[in-house]
Amino acid sequence: MARATTHRDRAKADRHAAILRESARLFAERGFSGVSLEELGAAVGISGPALYRHFSGKQALLGALLVGVSERLRDGGRTVTDLESDPLTRLQGLIAFHVDFALADADVIRVQDRDLASLSDDDLRAVRRLQREYVEIWIRVLGELHPDRTADDLRVRAHACFGLMNSTPHSGRGGSPDHTRAILESMALAALRS
């Protein structure tokens, strides 16, 4: 039997989430090496050393951020494809899911683009494995829509589409999120259906 969540547990989980959110923002602005533990702590109202209650260090924090987002993408992709049986509806769901991620987590995209090499070896392996699993979800759906294409062909298409959707750190600024979402979704669907 699971124990009830206490106020202290919720507060700790909220602090943990705030640390991840603020670290994504700061790492996106200045890069992993350009941010100190003291600055990370100050961003959430605690001292730098207090971060050790949540993470063993700055590299572990980066790992939690990038491994966590990779797990969310893989798990979300699985959920989307489990809900629908029609391949086109699955593809539309995957696109909408990924665009939602890209709009909500543009900072994390910037961090991954710039600081992936700063991960520990174990975290880097985990991120790469989770990313491959996420890509395979897309390849299975695309394979149902395009049975005449090879897995390599579909992989290139999926990665190219991720590049389009993950352009939000650059393309998503200043405009209406709904308008940006509509553009990205329609372009991704057109590219993947062709």
Protein backbone atom coordinates (compact mmCIF):
# COMPACT_ATOMS: atom_id res chain seq x y z
CA MET A 1 0.00 0.00 0.00
CA ALA A 2 1.45 3.35 -1.02
CA ARG A 3 1.81 5.92 1.70
CA ALA A 4 -0.06 9.20 1.43
CA THR A 5 1.85 12.14 0.01
CA THR A 6 2.66 14.60 2.75
CA HIS A 7 2.93 18.36 2.50
CA ARG A 8 6.69 17.98 2.90
CA ASP A 9 6.83 15.46 0.02
CA ARG A 10 4.86 17.83 -2.23
CA ALA A 11 7.07 20.77 -1.26
CA LYS A 12 10.19 18.74 -2.04
CA ALA A 13 8.78 17.64 -5.41
CA ASP A 14 7.83 21.25 -6.22
CA ARG A 15 11.33 22.45 -5.31
CA HIS A 16 12.85 19.68 -7.43
CA ALA A 17 10.71 20.71 -10.42
CA ALA A 18 11.57 24.38 -9.88
CA ILE A 19 15.28 23.57 -9.83
CA LEU A 20 14.97 21.67 -13.12
CA ARG A 21 12.92 24.46 -14.72
CA GLU A 22 15.29 27.22 -13.62
CA SER A 23 18.39 25.22 -14.55
CA ALA A 24 16.96 24.76 -18.06
CA ARG A 25 16.40 28.51 -18.31
CA LEU A 26 19.85 29.44 -17.02
CA PHE A 27 21.71 26.76 -19.00
CA ALA A 28 19.84 27.85 -22.14
CA GLU A 29 20.83 31.48 -21.56
CA ARG A 30 24.48 30.99 -20.58
CA GLY A 31 25.45 27.38 -21.18
CA PHE A 32 26.15 24.66 -18.64
CA SER A 33 29.65 25.87 -17.84
CA GLY A 34 28.49 29.49 -17.56
CA VAL A 35 26.20 28.88 -14.58
CA SER A 36 27.35 28.27 -11.00
CA LEU A 37 25.63 26.25 -8.29
CA GLU A 38 25.14 29.48 -6.36
CA GLU A 39 23.27 31.02 -9.30
CA LEU A 40 21.13 27.90 -9.69
CA GLY A 41 20.25 27.96 -5.99
CA ALA A 42 19.51 31.69 -6.00
CA ALA A 43 17.12 31.21 -8.92
CA VAL A 44 14.90 29.06 -6.69
CA GLY A 45 15.52 30.89 -3.42
CA ILE A 46 18.03 28.56 -1.78
CA SER A 47 21.79 28.52 -1.34
CA GLY A 48 24.01 26.75 -3.86
CA PRO A 49 25.05 24.06 -1.35
CA ALA A 50 21.36 23.37 -0.59
CA LEU A 51 21.06 21.99 -4.14
CA TYR A 52 22.95 18.93 -2.87
CA ARG A 53 19.76 17.92 -1.06
CA HIS A 54 18.24 17.35 -4.50
CA PHE A 55 21.17 16.55 -6.81
CA SER A 56 24.72 15.30 -6.23
CA GLY A 57 26.12 18.16 -8.33
CA LYS A 58 25.65 20.34 -11.38
CA GLN A 59 26.39 17.50 -13.81
CA ALA A 60 23.78 15.30 -12.08
CA LEU A 61 21.30 18.16 -12.44
CA LEU A 62 22.03 18.36 -16.18
CA GLY A 63 21.58 14.59 -16.37
CA ALA A 64 18.25 14.71 -14.57
CA LEU A 65 17.09 17.43 -16.95
CA LEU A 66 18.08 15.72 -20.21
CA VAL A 67 17.38 12.13 -19.21
CA GLY A 68 14.03 13.25 -17.78
CA VAL A 69 12.95 15.01 -20.96
CA SER A 70 14.05 12.03 -23.06
CA GLU A 71 11.93 9.72 -20.88
CA ARG A 72 8.95 12.07 -21.18
CA LEU A 73 9.23 12.11 -24.97
CA ARG A 74 9.54 8.33 -25.26
CA ASP A 75 6.71 7.66 -22.81
CA GLY A 76 4.50 10.32 -24.37
CA GLY A 77 5.13 8.91 -27.84
CA ARG A 78 4.13 5.45 -26.63
CA THR A 79 0.97 6.81 -25.05
CA VAL A 80 -0.03 8.66 -28.22
CA THR A 81 0.43 5.58 -30.40
CA ASP A 82 -1.36 3.31 -27.91
CA LEU A 83 -4.48 5.50 -28.03
CA GLU A 84 -5.08 5.26 -31.77
CA SER A 85 -5.09 2.49 -34.33
CA ASP A 86 -5.23 4.56 -37.53
CA PRO A 87 -1.67 5.34 -38.71
CA LEU A 88 -2.49 8.86 -39.95
CA THR A 89 -4.22 9.72 -36.67
CA ARG A 90 -1.20 8.32 -34.80
CA LEU A 91 1.14 10.49 -36.87
CA GLN A 92 -0.99 13.58 -36.25
CA GLY A 93 -0.96 12.77 -32.54
CA LEU A 94 2.81 12.34 -32.48
CA ILE A 95 3.28 15.64 -34.30
CA ALA A 96 0.93 17.49 -31.95
CA PHE A 97 2.64 15.91 -28.93
CA HIS A 98 6.11 16.86 -30.14
CA VAL A 99 5.11 20.40 -31.11
CA ASP A 100 3.59 20.86 -27.64
CA PHE A 101 6.90 19.73 -26.15
CA ALA A 102 8.93 22.00 -28.42
CA LEU A 103 6.83 25.05 -27.57
CA ALA A 104 6.81 24.36 -23.84
CA ASP A 105 10.44 23.26 -23.51
CA ALA A 106 12.41 25.42 -25.94
CA ASP A 107 15.01 26.02 -23.20
CA VAL A 108 15.61 22.27 -22.85
CA ILE A 109 16.08 21.99 -26.62
CA ARG A 110 18.75 24.69 -26.47
CA VAL A 111 20.46 22.98 -23.53
CA GLN A 112 20.54 19.63 -25.32
CA ASP A 113 21.85 21.19 -28.53
CA ARG A 114 24.68 22.96 -26.71
CA ASP A 115 25.50 20.90 -23.62
CA LEU A 116 24.80 17.24 -24.39
CA ALA A 117 28.55 16.53 -24.30
CA SER A 118 28.68 17.78 -20.69
CA LEU A 119 26.65 14.79 -19.47
CA SER A 120 28.28 11.96 -17.57
CA ASP A 121 28.96 8.89 -19.71
CA ASP A 122 26.08 7.00 -18.06
CA ASP A 123 23.60 9.82 -18.61
CA LEU A 124 24.74 10.30 -22.20
CA ARG A 125 24.17 6.61 -22.90
CA ALA A 126 20.73 6.82 -21.29
CA VAL A 127 19.75 9.88 -23.35
CA ARG A 128 20.95 8.26 -26.59
CA ARG A 129 19.05 5.03 -25.82
CA LEU A 130 15.85 6.89 -24.98
CA GLN A 131 16.16 9.02 -28.11
CA ARG A 132 16.57 5.90 -30.28
CA GLU A 133 13.46 4.40 -28.67
CA TYR A 134 11.51 7.59 -29.40
CA VAL A 135 12.67 7.65 -33.02
CA GLU A 136 11.65 4.00 -33.42
CA ILE A 137 8.10 4.91 -32.37
CA TRP A 138 7.98 7.41 -35.23
CA ILE A 139 9.54 4.96 -37.68
CA ARG A 140 6.89 2.31 -36.88
CA VAL A 141 4.08 4.80 -37.54
CA LEU A 142 5.72 6.15 -40.69
CA GLY A 143 6.32 2.58 -41.87
CA GLU A 144 2.59 1.92 -41.65
CA LEU A 145 1.93 4.97 -43.83
CA HIS A 146 4.82 4.30 -46.23
CA PRO A 147 5.39 0.52 -46.33
CA ASP A 148 7.52 0.85 -49.48
CA ARG A 149 10.21 2.96 -47.74
CA THR A 150 13.20 1.60 -45.83
CA ALA A 151 13.75 2.15 -42.13
CA ASP A 152 16.80 4.29 -42.98
CA ASP A 153 14.67 6.49 -45.24
CA LEU A 154 12.02 6.87 -42.54
CA ARG A 155 14.68 7.62 -39.90
CA VAL A 156 16.04 10.48 -42.01
CA ARG A 157 12.51 11.84 -42.45
CA ALA A 158 11.78 11.64 -38.72
CA HIS A 159 15.03 13.39 -37.79
CA ALA A 160 14.45 16.11 -40.38
CA CYS A 161 10.98 16.66 -38.97
CA PHE A 162 12.38 16.88 -35.43
CA GLY A 163 14.68 19.62 -36.69
CA LEU A 164 11.67 21.53 -38.00
CA MET A 165 9.64 21.11 -34.83
CA ASN A 166 12.63 21.74 -32.54
CA SER A 167 13.29 25.08 -34.22
CA THR A 168 11.16 26.77 -31.54
CA PRO A 169 14.09 28.34 -29.67
CA HIS A 170 14.51 30.41 -32.84
CA SER A 171 11.15 30.31 -34.66
CA GLY A 172 8.80 30.41 -31.68
CA ARG A 173 9.83 33.80 -30.34
CA GLY A 174 7.55 36.79 -30.46
CA GLY A 175 4.65 35.22 -32.31
CA SER A 176 1.45 33.71 -31.10
CA PRO A 177 2.05 30.18 -29.74
CA ASP A 178 -1.17 29.00 -31.38
CA HIS A 179 -0.09 30.39 -34.75
CA THR A 180 3.39 28.86 -34.38
CA ARG A 181 1.82 25.52 -33.37
CA ALA A 182 -0.44 25.51 -36.43
CA ILE A 183 2.47 26.27 -38.78
CA LEU A 184 4.74 23.62 -37.30
CA GLU A 185 2.05 20.95 -37.24
CA SER A 186 0.94 21.57 -40.83
CA MET A 187 4.50 21.68 -42.16
CA ALA A 188 5.52 18.51 -40.29
CA LEU A 189 2.45 16.62 -41.48
CA ALA A 190 2.96 17.75 -45.08
CA ALA A 191 6.62 16.73 -44.99
CA LEU A 192 5.97 13.30 -43.49
CA ARG A 193 3.01 12.44 -45.70
CA SER A 194 4.88 13.20 -48.93
